[in-house]
Amino acid sequence: VDQVPAEITIERPKSPEHGDYATNIAMRLARPTGWPPRQVAGV
């Protein structure tokens, strides 16, 4: 739990087709988990 970043970046996608919001948190968690970002993102 202490490896979870205190700040989670939330952005507006450039295209509305991609949703209301987007986050890159899975890529930031790739190193501490040792998993590929897409696997983290899936969970």
Full PDB file with SEQRES, HELIX, SHEET, SSBOND, CRYST1, ORIGX, SCALE, CONECT and MASTER records, all heavy atoms in Angstrom:
SEQRES   1 A   43  VAL ASP GLN VAL PRO ALA GLU ILE THR ILE GLU ARG PRO          
SEQRES   2 A   43  LYS SER PRO GLU HIS GLY ASP TYR ALA THR ASN ILE ALA          
SEQRES   3 A   43  MET ARG LEU ALA ARG PRO THR GLY TRP PRO PRO ARG GLN          
SEQRES   4 A   43  VAL ALA GLY VAL                                              
HELIX    1 AA1 PRO A   16  HIS A   18  5                                   3    
HELIX    2 AA2 ILE A   25  ARG A   28  1                                   4    
HELIX    3 AA3 ALA A   30  THR A   33  1                                   4    
HELIX    4 AA4 PRO A   37  GLY A   42  1                                   6    
CRYST1    1.000    1.000    1.000  90.00  90.00  90.00 P 1           1          
ORIGX1      1.000000  0.000000  0.000000        0.00000                         
ORIGX2      0.000000  1.000000  0.000000        0.00000                         
ORIGX3      0.000000  0.000000  1.000000        0.00000                         
SCALE1      1.000000  0.000000  0.000000        0.00000                         
SCALE2      0.000000  1.000000  0.000000        0.00000                         
SCALE3      0.000000  0.000000  1.000000        0.00000                         
ATOM      1  N   VAL A   1       0.820  -1.209   0.000  1.00  0.00           N  
ATOM      2  CA  VAL A   1       0.000   0.000   0.000  1.00  0.00           C  
ATOM      3  C   VAL A   1       0.853   1.259   0.000  1.00  0.00           C  
ATOM      4  O   VAL A   1       0.508   2.265  -0.628  1.00  0.00           O  
ATOM      5  CB  VAL A   1      -0.957  -0.008   1.219  1.00  0.00           C  
ATOM      6  CG1 VAL A   1      -1.681   1.325   1.343  1.00  0.00           C  
ATOM      7  CG2 VAL A   1      -1.954  -1.143   1.099  1.00  0.00           C  
ATOM      8  N   ASP A   2       1.996   1.232   0.697  1.00  0.00           N  
ATOM      9  CA  ASP A   2       2.829   2.431   0.745  1.00  0.00           C  
ATOM     10  C   ASP A   2       3.554   2.716  -0.574  1.00  0.00           C  
ATOM     11  O   ASP A   2       4.208   3.741  -0.721  1.00  0.00           O  
ATOM     12  CB  ASP A   2       3.829   2.357   1.895  1.00  0.00           C  
ATOM     13  CG  ASP A   2       4.785   1.165   1.775  1.00  0.00           C  
ATOM     14  OD1 ASP A   2       4.697   0.439   0.772  1.00  0.00           O  
ATOM     15  OD2 ASP A   2       5.599   0.965   2.699  1.00  0.00           O  
ATOM     16  N   GLN A   3       3.447   1.808  -1.549  1.00  0.00           N  
ATOM     17  CA  GLN A   3       4.025   2.047  -2.875  1.00  0.00           C  
ATOM     18  C   GLN A   3       3.034   2.717  -3.826  1.00  0.00           C  
ATOM     19  O   GLN A   3       3.396   3.084  -4.940  1.00  0.00           O  
ATOM     20  CB  GLN A   3       4.496   0.726  -3.499  1.00  0.00           C  
ATOM     21  CG  GLN A   3       5.739   0.130  -2.848  1.00  0.00           C  
ATOM     22  CD  GLN A   3       6.127  -1.190  -3.484  1.00  0.00           C  
ATOM     23  OE1 GLN A   3       5.350  -2.144  -3.503  1.00  0.00           O  
ATOM     24  NE2 GLN A   3       7.342  -1.251  -4.006  1.00  0.00           N  
ATOM     25  N   VAL A   4       1.794   2.880  -3.379  1.00  0.00           N  
ATOM     26  CA  VAL A   4       0.791   3.537  -4.214  1.00  0.00           C  
ATOM     27  C   VAL A   4       1.043   5.041  -4.188  1.00  0.00           C  
ATOM     28  O   VAL A   4       1.112   5.642  -3.115  1.00  0.00           O  
ATOM     29  CB  VAL A   4      -0.637   3.244  -3.701  1.00  0.00           C  
ATOM     30  CG1 VAL A   4      -1.665   3.938  -4.597  1.00  0.00           C  
ATOM     31  CG2 VAL A   4      -0.882   1.744  -3.648  1.00  0.00           C  
ATOM     32  N   PRO A   5       1.216   5.685  -5.351  1.00  0.00           N  
ATOM     33  CA  PRO A   5       1.502   7.128  -5.383  1.00  0.00           C  
ATOM     34  C   PRO A   5       0.413   7.937  -4.692  1.00  0.00           C  
ATOM     35  O   PRO A   5      -0.778   7.630  -4.815  1.00  0.00           O  
ATOM     36  CB  PRO A   5       1.547   7.449  -6.890  1.00  0.00           C  
ATOM     37  CG  PRO A   5       1.859   6.143  -7.543  1.00  0.00           C  
ATOM     38  CD  PRO A   5       1.183   5.099  -6.705  1.00  0.00           C  
ATOM     39  N   ALA A   6       0.827   8.958  -3.969  1.00  0.00           N  
ATOM     40  CA  ALA A   6      -0.139   9.824  -3.290  1.00  0.00           C  
ATOM     41  C   ALA A   6      -0.927  10.660  -4.297  1.00  0.00           C  
ATOM     42  O   ALA A   6      -2.103  10.964  -4.090  1.00  0.00           O  
ATOM     43  CB  ALA A   6       0.579  10.732  -2.300  1.00  0.00           C  
ATOM     44  N   GLU A   7      -0.275  11.012  -5.406  1.00  0.00           N  
ATOM     45  CA  GLU A   7      -0.927  11.822  -6.439  1.00  0.00           C  
ATOM     46  C   GLU A   7      -1.218  10.965  -7.664  1.00  0.00           C  
ATOM     47  O   GLU A   7      -0.325  10.310  -8.200  1.00  0.00           O  
ATOM     48  CB  GLU A   7      -0.031  13.000  -6.843  1.00  0.00           C  
ATOM     49  CG  GLU A   7       0.308  13.959  -5.701  1.00  0.00           C  
ATOM     50  CD  GLU A   7      -0.884  14.782  -5.257  1.00  0.00           C  
ATOM     51  OE1 GLU A   7      -1.800  14.978  -6.076  1.00  0.00           O  
ATOM     52  OE2 GLU A   7      -0.895  15.214  -4.088  1.00  0.00           O  
ATOM     53  N   ILE A   8      -2.472  10.954  -8.081  1.00  0.00           N  
ATOM     54  CA  ILE A   8      -2.887  10.227  -9.283  1.00  0.00           C  
ATOM     55  C   ILE A   8      -3.203  11.249 -10.369  1.00  0.00           C  
ATOM     56  O   ILE A   8      -4.068  12.109 -10.178  1.00  0.00           O  
ATOM     57  CB  ILE A   8      -4.137   9.354  -9.024  1.00  0.00           C  
ATOM     58  CG1 ILE A   8      -3.934   8.448  -7.803  1.00  0.00           C  
ATOM     59  CG2 ILE A   8      -4.489   8.547 -10.271  1.00  0.00           C  
ATOM     60  CD1 ILE A   8      -2.907   7.373  -7.979  1.00  0.00           C  
ATOM     61  N   THR A   9      -2.500  11.174 -11.481  1.00  0.00           N  
ATOM     62  CA  THR A   9      -2.709  12.137 -12.562  1.00  0.00           C  
ATOM     63  C   THR A   9      -3.969  11.795 -13.352  1.00  0.00           C  
ATOM     64  O   THR A   9      -4.127  10.666 -13.827  1.00  0.00           O  
ATOM     65  CB  THR A   9      -1.507  12.151 -13.516  1.00  0.00           C  
ATOM     66  OG1 THR A   9      -0.327  12.490 -12.784  1.00  0.00           O  
ATOM     67  CG2 THR A   9      -1.708  13.171 -14.637  1.00  0.00           C  
ATOM     68  N   ILE A  10      -4.854  12.778 -13.467  1.00  0.00           N  
ATOM     69  CA  ILE A  10      -6.088  12.632 -14.246  1.00  0.00           C  
ATOM     70  C   ILE A  10      -6.078  13.680 -15.352  1.00  0.00           C  
ATOM     71  O   ILE A  10      -5.854  14.862 -15.079  1.00  0.00           O  
ATOM     72  CB  ILE A  10      -7.343  12.830 -13.366  1.00  0.00           C  
ATOM     73  CG1 ILE A  10      -7.339  11.854 -12.192  1.00  0.00           C  
ATOM     74  CG2 ILE A  10      -8.620  12.676 -14.199  1.00  0.00           C  
ATOM     75  CD1 ILE A  10      -7.484  10.406 -12.572  1.00  0.00           C  
ATOM     76  N   GLU A  11      -6.313  13.237 -16.594  1.00  0.00           N  
ATOM     77  CA  GLU A  11      -6.294  14.168 -17.719  1.00  0.00           C  
ATOM     78  C   GLU A  11      -7.539  14.007 -18.574  1.00  0.00           C  
ATOM     79  O   GLU A  11      -8.216  12.974 -18.524  1.00  0.00           O  
ATOM     80  CB  GLU A  11      -5.053  13.927 -18.592  1.00  0.00           C  
ATOM     81  CG  GLU A  11      -3.728  14.167 -17.874  1.00  0.00           C  
ATOM     82  CD  GLU A  11      -2.535  13.857 -18.764  1.00  0.00           C  
ATOM     83  OE1 GLU A  11      -2.721  13.090 -19.737  1.00  0.00           O  
ATOM     84  OE2 GLU A  11      -1.441  14.376 -18.491  1.00  0.00           O  
ATOM     85  N   ARG A  12      -7.816  15.050 -19.357  1.00  0.00           N  
ATOM     86  CA  ARG A  12      -8.875  14.973 -20.357  1.00  0.00           C  
ATOM     87  C   ARG A  12      -8.271  14.433 -21.649  1.00  0.00           C  
ATOM     88  O   ARG A  12      -7.297  14.996 -22.156  1.00  0.00           O  
ATOM     89  CB  ARG A  12      -9.443  16.368 -20.632  1.00  0.00           C  
ATOM     90  CG  ARG A  12     -10.356  16.900 -19.539  1.00  0.00           C  
ATOM     91  CD  ARG A  12     -11.722  16.260 -19.606  1.00  0.00           C  
ATOM     92  NE  ARG A  12     -12.683  16.968 -18.763  1.00  0.00           N  
ATOM     93  CZ  ARG A  12     -13.932  16.573 -18.616  1.00  0.00           C  
ATOM     94  NH1 ARG A  12     -14.369  15.485 -19.230  1.00  0.00           N  
ATOM     95  NH2 ARG A  12     -14.753  17.245 -17.842  1.00  0.00           N  
ATOM     96  N   PRO A  13      -8.793  13.341 -22.225  1.00  0.00           N  
ATOM     97  CA  PRO A  13      -8.263  12.838 -23.500  1.00  0.00           C  
ATOM     98  C   PRO A  13      -8.423  13.879 -24.595  1.00  0.00           C  
ATOM     99  O   PRO A  13      -9.367  14.683 -24.573  1.00  0.00           O  
ATOM    100  CB  PRO A  13      -9.134  11.612 -23.778  1.00  0.00           C  
ATOM    101  CG  PRO A  13      -9.675  11.199 -22.452  1.00  0.00           C  
ATOM    102  CD  PRO A  13      -9.866  12.479 -21.701  1.00  0.00           C  
ATOM    103  N   LYS A  14      -7.499  13.887 -25.549  1.00  0.00           N  
ATOM    104  CA  LYS A  14      -7.586  14.846 -26.651  1.00  0.00           C  
ATOM    105  C   LYS A  14      -8.833  14.607 -27.486  1.00  0.00           C  
ATOM    106  O   LYS A  14      -9.427  15.532 -28.025  1.00  0.00           O  
ATOM    107  CB  LYS A  14      -6.332  14.751 -27.524  1.00  0.00           C  
ATOM    108  CG  LYS A  14      -5.064  15.225 -26.829  1.00  0.00           C  
ATOM    109  CD  LYS A  14      -3.860  15.131 -27.748  1.00  0.00           C  
ATOM    110  CE  LYS A  14      -2.596  15.624 -27.033  1.00  0.00           C  
ATOM    111  NZ  LYS A  14      -1.395  15.523 -27.906  1.00  0.00           N  
ATOM    112  N   SER A  15      -9.239  13.348 -27.612  1.00  0.00           N  
ATOM    113  CA  SER A  15     -10.439  13.017 -28.378  1.00  0.00           C  
ATOM    114  C   SER A  15     -11.538  12.535 -27.436  1.00  0.00           C  
ATOM    115  O   SER A  15     -11.307  11.639 -26.619  1.00  0.00           O  
ATOM    116  CB  SER A  15     -10.139  11.915 -29.405  1.00  0.00           C  
ATOM    117  OG  SER A  15     -11.334  11.457 -30.012  1.00  0.00           O  
ATOM    118  N   PRO A  16     -12.760  13.094 -27.525  1.00  0.00           N  
ATOM    119  CA  PRO A  16     -13.877  12.658 -26.680  1.00  0.00           C  
ATOM    120  C   PRO A  16     -14.208  11.178 -26.849  1.00  0.00           C  
ATOM    121  O   PRO A  16     -14.792  10.563 -25.954  1.00  0.00           O  
ATOM    122  CB  PRO A  16     -15.038  13.538 -27.142  1.00  0.00           C  
ATOM    123  CG  PRO A  16     -14.389  14.735 -27.765  1.00  0.00           C  
ATOM    124  CD  PRO A  16     -13.138  14.208 -28.398  1.00  0.00           C  
ATOM    125  N   GLU A  17     -13.826  10.603 -28.001  1.00  0.00           N  
ATOM    126  CA  GLU A  17     -14.100   9.187 -28.260  1.00  0.00           C  
ATOM    127  C   GLU A  17     -13.358   8.283 -27.270  1.00  0.00           C  
ATOM    128  O   GLU A  17     -13.741   7.129 -27.061  1.00  0.00           O  
ATOM    129  CB  GLU A  17     -13.688   8.821 -29.688  1.00  0.00           C  
ATOM    130  CG  GLU A  17     -14.473   9.584 -30.764  1.00  0.00           C  
ATOM    131  CD  GLU A  17     -13.950   9.275 -32.158  1.00  0.00           C  
ATOM    132  OE1 GLU A  17     -12.966   8.511 -32.257  1.00  0.00           O  
ATOM    133  OE2 GLU A  17     -14.516   9.801 -33.130  1.00  0.00           O  
ATOM    134  N   HIS A  18     -12.296   8.800 -26.667  1.00  0.00           N  
ATOM    135  CA  HIS A  18     -11.502   7.999 -25.742  1.00  0.00           C  
ATOM    136  C   HIS A  18     -12.020   8.058 -24.303  1.00  0.00           C  
ATOM    137  O   HIS A  18     -11.408   7.467 -23.409  1.00  0.00           O  
ATOM    138  CB  HIS A  18     -10.041   8.464 -25.780  1.00  0.00           C  
ATOM    139  CG  HIS A  18      -9.398   8.227 -27.111  1.00  0.00           C  
ATOM    140  ND1 HIS A  18      -8.288   8.936 -27.533  1.00  0.00           N  
ATOM    141  CD2 HIS A  18      -9.711   7.382 -28.128  1.00  0.00           C  
ATOM    142  CE1 HIS A  18      -7.943   8.535 -28.753  1.00  0.00           C  
ATOM    143  NE2 HIS A  18      -8.796   7.590 -29.123  1.00  0.00           N  
ATOM    144  N   GLY A  19     -13.111   8.792 -24.105  1.00  0.00           N  
ATOM    145  CA  GLY A  19     -13.692   8.859 -22.774  1.00  0.00           C  
ATOM    146  C   GLY A  19     -13.669  10.244 -22.178  1.00  0.00           C  
ATOM    147  O   GLY A  19     -13.247  11.212 -22.820  1.00  0.00           O  
ATOM    148  N   ASP A  20     -14.140  10.341 -20.920  1.00  0.00           N  
ATOM    149  CA  ASP A  20     -14.179  11.625 -20.224  1.00  0.00           C  
ATOM    150  C   ASP A  20     -12.835  11.955 -19.573  1.00  0.00           C  
ATOM    151  O   ASP A  20     -12.426  13.113 -19.526  1.00  0.00           O  
ATOM    152  CB  ASP A  20     -15.269  11.593 -19.147  1.00  0.00           C  
ATOM    153  CG  ASP A  20     -16.655  11.337 -19.729  1.00  0.00           C  
ATOM    154  OD1 ASP A  20     -17.001  12.002 -20.720  1.00  0.00           O  
ATOM    155  OD2 ASP A  20     -17.372  10.464 -19.197  1.00  0.00           O  
ATOM    156  N   TYR A  21     -12.184  10.912 -19.043  1.00  0.00           N  
ATOM    157  CA  TYR A  21     -10.909  11.103 -18.356  1.00  0.00           C  
ATOM    158  C   TYR A  21      -9.956   9.961 -18.694  1.00  0.00           C  
ATOM    159  O   TYR A  21     -10.379   8.890 -19.135  1.00  0.00           O  
ATOM    160  CB  TYR A  21     -11.097  11.155 -16.832  1.00  0.00           C  
ATOM    161  CG  TYR A  21     -11.946  12.305 -16.356  1.00  0.00           C  
ATOM    162  CD1 TYR A  21     -13.255  12.089 -15.921  1.00  0.00           C  
ATOM    163  CD2 TYR A  21     -11.447  13.600 -16.330  1.00  0.00           C  
ATOM    164  CE1 TYR A  21     -14.047  13.154 -15.485  1.00  0.00           C  
ATOM    165  CE2 TYR A  21     -12.228  14.667 -15.896  1.00  0.00           C  
ATOM    166  CZ  TYR A  21     -13.525  14.432 -15.475  1.00  0.00           C  
ATOM    167  OH  TYR A  21     -14.291  15.478 -15.051  1.00  0.00           O  
ATOM    168  N   ALA A  22      -8.669  10.211 -18.454  1.00  0.00           N  
ATOM    169  CA  ALA A  22      -7.649   9.181 -18.662  1.00  0.00           C  
ATOM    170  C   ALA A  22      -6.578   9.324 -17.588  1.00  0.00           C  
ATOM    171  O   ALA A  22      -6.359  10.412 -17.043  1.00  0.00           O  
ATOM    172  CB  ALA A  22      -7.024   9.309 -20.046  1.00  0.00           C  
ATOM    173  N   THR A  23      -5.924   8.183 -17.277  1.00  0.00           N  
ATOM    174  CA  THR A  23      -4.831   8.224 -16.308  1.00  0.00           C  
ATOM    175  C   THR A  23      -3.703   7.311 -16.770  1.00  0.00           C  
ATOM    176  O   THR A  23      -3.932   6.287 -17.440  1.00  0.00           O  
ATOM    177  CB  THR A  23      -5.306   7.793 -14.904  1.00  0.00           C  
ATOM    178  OG1 THR A  23      -4.178   7.816 -14.010  1.00  0.00           O  
ATOM    179  CG2 THR A  23      -5.897   6.401 -14.912  1.00  0.00           C  
ATOM    180  N   ASN A  24      -2.482   7.686 -16.429  1.00  0.00           N  
ATOM    181  CA  ASN A  24      -1.295   6.895 -16.788  1.00  0.00           C  
ATOM    182  C   ASN A  24      -0.758   6.119 -15.592  1.00  0.00           C  
ATOM    183  O   ASN A  24       0.385   5.681 -15.582  1.00  0.00           O  
ATOM    184  CB  ASN A  24      -0.202   7.808 -17.334  1.00  0.00           C  
ATOM    185  CG  ASN A  24       0.327   8.781 -16.278  1.00  0.00           C  
ATOM    186  OD1 ASN A  24      -0.250   8.901 -15.199  1.00  0.00           O  
ATOM    187  ND2 ASN A  24       1.409   9.473 -16.578  1.00  0.00           N  
ATOM    188  N   ILE A  25      -1.589   5.936 -14.563  1.00  0.00           N  
ATOM    189  CA  ILE A  25      -1.125   5.333 -13.327  1.00  0.00           C  
ATOM    190  C   ILE A  25      -0.548   3.934 -13.517  1.00  0.00           C  
ATOM    191  O   ILE A  25       0.385   3.529 -12.808  1.00  0.00           O  
ATOM    192  CB  ILE A  25      -2.264   5.305 -12.267  1.00  0.00           C  
ATOM    193  CG1 ILE A  25      -1.738   4.858 -10.913  1.00  0.00           C  
ATOM    194  CG2 ILE A  25      -3.414   4.428 -12.751  1.00  0.00           C  
ATOM    195  CD1 ILE A  25      -0.667   5.733 -10.342  1.00  0.00           C  
ATOM    196  N   ALA A  26      -1.073   3.178 -14.492  1.00  0.00           N  
ATOM    197  CA  ALA A  26      -0.574   1.821 -14.718  1.00  0.00           C  
ATOM    198  C   ALA A  26       0.894   1.835 -15.131  1.00  0.00           C  
ATOM    199  O   ALA A  26       1.675   0.955 -14.739  1.00  0.00           O  
ATOM    200  CB  ALA A  26      -1.415   1.115 -15.772  1.00  0.00           C  
ATOM    201  N   MET A  27       1.293   2.820 -15.915  1.00  0.00           N  
ATOM    202  CA  MET A  27       2.685   2.918 -16.349  1.00  0.00           C  
ATOM    203  C   MET A  27       3.592   3.308 -15.186  1.00  0.00           C  
ATOM    204  O   MET A  27       4.745   2.883 -15.111  1.00  0.00           O  
ATOM    205  CB  MET A  27       2.799   3.918 -17.502  1.00  0.00           C  
ATOM    206  CG  MET A  27       2.239   3.349 -18.811  1.00  0.00           C  
ATOM    207  SD  MET A  27       2.268   4.519 -20.181  1.00  0.00           S  
ATOM    208  CE  MET A  27       0.724   5.357 -19.885  1.00  0.00           C  
ATOM    209  N   ARG A  28       3.056   4.085 -14.245  1.00  0.00           N  
ATOM    210  CA  ARG A  28       3.847   4.464 -13.070  1.00  0.00           C  
ATOM    211  C   ARG A  28       4.017   3.280 -12.108  1.00  0.00           C  
ATOM    212  O   ARG A  28       4.976   3.231 -11.342  1.00  0.00           O  
ATOM    213  CB  ARG A  28       3.163   5.630 -12.349  1.00  0.00           C  
ATOM    214  CG  ARG A  28       3.169   6.920 -13.150  1.00  0.00           C  
ATOM    215  CD  ARG A  28       2.387   8.004 -12.435  1.00  0.00           C  
ATOM    216  NE  ARG A  28       2.975   8.337 -11.139  1.00  0.00           N  
ATOM    217  CZ  ARG A  28       2.371   9.110 -10.236  1.00  0.00           C  
ATOM    218  NH1 ARG A  28       1.169   9.608 -10.484  1.00  0.00           N  
ATOM    219  NH2 ARG A  28       2.968   9.373  -9.079  1.00  0.00           N  
ATOM    220  N   LEU A  29       3.072   2.321 -12.180  1.00  0.00           N  
ATOM    221  CA  LEU A  29       3.132   1.165 -11.284  1.00  0.00           C  
ATOM    222  C   LEU A  29       3.876  -0.028 -11.890  1.00  0.00           C  
ATOM    223  O   LEU A  29       4.071  -1.037 -11.219  1.00  0.00           O  
ATOM    224  CB  LEU A  29       1.708   0.730 -10.901  1.00  0.00           C  
ATOM    225  CG  LEU A  29       0.908   1.713 -10.032  1.00  0.00           C  
ATOM    226  CD1 LEU A  29      -0.505   1.193  -9.825  1.00  0.00           C  
ATOM    227  CD2 LEU A  29       1.599   1.937  -8.696  1.00  0.00           C  
ATOM    228  N   ALA A  30       4.299   0.114 -13.142  1.00  0.00           N  
ATOM    229  CA  ALA A  30       4.968  -1.002 -13.811  1.00  0.00           C  
ATOM    230  C   ALA A  30       6.256  -1.400 -13.092  1.00  0.00           C  
ATOM    231  O   ALA A  30       6.519  -2.593 -12.863  1.00  0.00           O  
ATOM    232  CB  ALA A  30       5.259  -0.644 -15.265  1.00  0.00           C  
ATOM    233  N   ARG A  31       7.047  -0.421 -12.704  1.00  0.00           N  
ATOM    234  CA  ARG A  31       8.326  -0.736 -12.052  1.00  0.00           C  
ATOM    235  C   ARG A  31       8.125  -1.369 -10.666  1.00  0.00           C  
ATOM    236  O   ARG A  31       8.702  -2.431 -10.392  1.00  0.00           O  
ATOM    237  CB  ARG A  31       9.191   0.514 -11.950  1.00  0.00           C  
ATOM    238  CG  ARG A  31      10.484   0.276 -11.179  1.00  0.00           C  
ATOM    239  CD  ARG A  31      11.430   1.448 -11.278  1.00  0.00           C  
ATOM    240  NE  ARG A  31      11.977   1.582 -12.624  1.00  0.00           N  
ATOM    241  CZ  ARG A  31      12.863   2.503 -12.979  1.00  0.00           C  
ATOM    242  NH1 ARG A  31      13.300   3.378 -12.074  1.00  0.00           N  
ATOM    243  NH2 ARG A  31      13.316   2.565 -14.219  1.00  0.00           N  
ATOM    244  N   PRO A  32       7.327  -0.763  -9.766  1.00  0.00           N  
ATOM    245  CA  PRO A  32       7.179  -1.398  -8.441  1.00  0.00           C  
ATOM    246  C   PRO A  32       6.501  -2.766  -8.480  1.00  0.00           C  
ATOM    247  O   PRO A  32       6.775  -3.614  -7.622  1.00  0.00           O  
ATOM    248  CB  PRO A  32       6.347  -0.388  -7.648  1.00  0.00           C  
ATOM    249  CG  PRO A  32       5.699   0.480  -8.667  1.00  0.00           C  
ATOM    250  CD  PRO A  32       6.634   0.531  -9.814  1.00  0.00           C  
ATOM    251  N   THR A  33       5.633  -3.004  -9.469  1.00  0.00           N  
ATOM    252  CA  THR A  33       4.971  -4.315  -9.548  1.00  0.00           C  
ATOM    253  C   THR A  33       5.805  -5.329 -10.322  1.00  0.00           C  
ATOM    254  O   THR A  33       5.686  -6.551 -10.115  1.00  0.00           O  
ATOM    255  CB  THR A  33       3.602  -4.204 -10.234  1.00  0.00           C  
ATOM    256  OG1 THR A  33       3.775  -3.689 -11.565  1.00  0.00           O  
ATOM    257  CG2 THR A  33       2.667  -3.296  -9.456  1.00  0.00           C  
ATOM    258  N   GLY A  34       6.636  -4.812 -11.253  1.00  0.00           N  
ATOM    259  CA  GLY A  34       7.389  -5.715 -12.125  1.00  0.00           C  
ATOM    260  C   GLY A  34       6.539  -6.280 -13.246  1.00  0.00           C  
ATOM    261  O   GLY A  34       6.947  -7.216 -13.948  1.00  0.00           O  
ATOM    262  N   TRP A  35       5.364  -5.721 -13.439  1.00  0.00           N  
ATOM    263  CA  TRP A  35       4.445  -6.174 -14.475  1.00  0.00           C  
ATOM    264  C   TRP A  35       4.460  -5.215 -15.669  1.00  0.00           C  
ATOM    265  O   TRP A  35       4.772  -4.031 -15.513  1.00  0.00           O  
ATOM    266  CB  TRP A  35       3.023  -6.227 -13.945  1.00  0.00           C  
ATOM    267  CG  TRP A  35       2.714  -7.357 -13.028  1.00  0.00           C  
ATOM    268  CD1 TRP A  35       3.581  -8.262 -12.498  1.00  0.00           C  
ATOM    269  CD2 TRP A  35       1.415  -7.704 -12.531  1.00  0.00           C  
ATOM    270  NE1 TRP A  35       2.921  -9.148 -11.698  1.00  0.00           N  
ATOM    271  CE2 TRP A  35       1.590  -8.835 -11.695  1.00  0.00           C  
ATOM    272  CE3 TRP A  35       0.144  -7.177 -12.675  1.00  0.00           C  
ATOM    273  CZ2 TRP A  35       0.510  -9.440 -11.043  1.00  0.00           C  
ATOM    274  CZ3 TRP A  35      -0.929  -7.770 -12.034  1.00  0.00           C  
ATOM    275  CH2 TRP A  35      -0.751  -8.896 -11.223  1.00  0.00           C  
ATOM    276  N   PRO A  36       4.048  -5.704 -16.866  1.00  0.00           N  
ATOM    277  CA  PRO A  36       3.856  -4.790 -17.994  1.00  0.00           C  
ATOM    278  C   PRO A  36       2.716  -3.820 -17.664  1.00  0.00           C  
ATOM    279  O   PRO A  36       1.743  -4.209 -17.003  1.00  0.00           O  
ATOM    280  CB  PRO A  36       3.452  -5.725 -19.155  1.00  0.00           C  
ATOM    281  CG  PRO A  36       3.953  -7.068 -18.743  1.00  0.00           C  
ATOM    282  CD  PRO A  36       3.841  -7.117 -17.251  1.00  0.00           C  
ATOM    283  N   PRO A  37       2.804  -2.576 -18.112  1.00  0.00           N  
ATOM    284  CA  PRO A  37       1.770  -1.588 -17.795  1.00  0.00           C  
ATOM    285  C   PRO A  37       0.354  -2.043 -18.155  1.00  0.00           C  
ATOM    286  O   PRO A  37      -0.587  -1.805 -17.399  1.00  0.00           O  
ATOM    287  CB  PRO A  37       2.190  -0.365 -18.611  1.00  0.00           C  
ATOM    288  CG  PRO A  37       3.665  -0.490 -18.747  1.00  0.00           C  
ATOM    289  CD  PRO A  37       3.915  -1.971 -18.887  1.00  0.00           C  
ATOM    290  N   ARG A  38       0.188  -2.706 -19.306  1.00  0.00           N  
ATOM    291  CA  ARG A  38      -1.158  -3.119 -19.705  1.00  0.00           C  
ATOM    292  C   ARG A  38      -1.743  -4.163 -18.748  1.00  0.00           C  
ATOM    293  O   ARG A  38      -2.959  -4.199 -18.526  1.00  0.00           O  
ATOM    294  CB  ARG A  38      -1.154  -3.670 -21.141  1.00  0.00           C  
ATOM    295  CG  ARG A  38      -1.049  -2.581 -22.212  1.00  0.00           C  
ATOM    296  CD  ARG A  38      -1.234  -3.161 -23.612  1.00  0.00           C  
ATOM    297  NE  ARG A  38      -2.583  -3.681 -23.795  1.00  0.00           N  
ATOM    298  CZ  ARG A  38      -3.609  -2.978 -24.260  1.00  0.00           C  
ATOM    299  NH1 ARG A  38      -3.446  -1.700 -24.594  1.00  0.00           N  
ATOM    300  NH2 ARG A  38      -4.792  -3.532 -24.410  1.00  0.00           N  
ATOM    301  N   GLN A  39      -0.879  -4.995 -18.163  1.00  0.00           N  
ATOM    302  CA  GLN A  39      -1.377  -5.981 -17.202  1.00  0.00           C  
ATOM    303  C   GLN A  39      -1.858  -5.283 -15.929  1.00  0.00           C  
ATOM    304  O   GLN A  39      -2.905  -5.631 -15.369  1.00  0.00           O  
ATOM    305  CB  GLN A  39      -0.274  -6.992 -16.877  1.00  0.00           C  
ATOM    306  CG  GLN A  39      -0.736  -8.146 -15.977  1.00  0.00           C  
ATOM    307  CD  GLN A  39       0.361  -9.164 -15.729  1.00  0.00           C  
ATOM    308  OE1 GLN A  39       1.456  -9.083 -16.313  1.00  0.00           O  
ATOM    309  NE2 GLN A  39       0.100 -10.141 -14.870  1.00  0.00           N  
ATOM    310  N   VAL A  40      -1.091  -4.291 -15.480  1.00  0.00           N  
ATOM    311  CA  VAL A  40      -1.504  -3.510 -14.315  1.00  0.00           C  
ATOM    312  C   VAL A  40      -2.808  -2.777 -14.622  1.00  0.00           C  
ATOM    313  O   VAL A  40      -3.754  -2.770 -13.815  1.00  0.00           O  
ATOM    314  CB  VAL A  40      -0.424  -2.480 -13.917  1.00  0.00           C  
ATOM    315  CG1 VAL A  40      -0.913  -1.608 -12.762  1.00  0.00           C  
ATOM    316  CG2 VAL A  40       0.882  -3.168 -13.566  1.00  0.00           C  
ATOM    317  N   ALA A  41      -2.878  -2.177 -15.810  1.00  0.00           N  
ATOM    318  CA  ALA A  41      -4.062  -1.415 -16.209  1.00  0.00           C  
ATOM    319  C   ALA A  41      -5.303  -2.299 -16.238  1.00  0.00           C  
ATOM    320  O   ALA A  41      -6.393  -1.863 -15.860  1.00  0.00           O  
ATOM    321  CB  ALA A  41      -3.838  -0.782 -17.581  1.00  0.00           C  
ATOM    322  N   GLY A  42      -5.134  -3.560 -16.661  1.00  0.00           N  
ATOM    323  CA  GLY A  42      -6.277  -4.471 -16.716  1.00  0.00           C  
ATOM    324  C   GLY A  42      -6.884  -4.712 -15.345  1.00  0.00           C  
ATOM    325  O   GLY A  42      -8.109  -4.714 -15.183  1.00  0.00           O  
ATOM    326  N   VAL A  43      -6.038  -4.901 -14.344  1.00  0.00           N  
ATOM    327  CA  VAL A  43      -6.521  -5.128 -12.969  1.00  0.00           C  
ATOM    328  C   VAL A  43      -7.243  -3.888 -12.452  1.00  0.00           C  
ATOM    329  O   VAL A  43      -8.352  -3.986 -11.885  1.00  0.00           O  
ATOM    330  CB  VAL A  43      -5.340  -5.492 -12.042  1.00  0.00           C  
ATOM    331  CG1 VAL A  43      -5.815  -5.550 -10.586  1.00  0.00           C  
ATOM    332  CG2 VAL A  43      -4.716  -6.809 -12.455  1.00  0.00           C  
TER     333      VAL A  43                                                      
MASTER        0    0    0    4    0    0    0    6  332    1    0    4          
END                                                                             
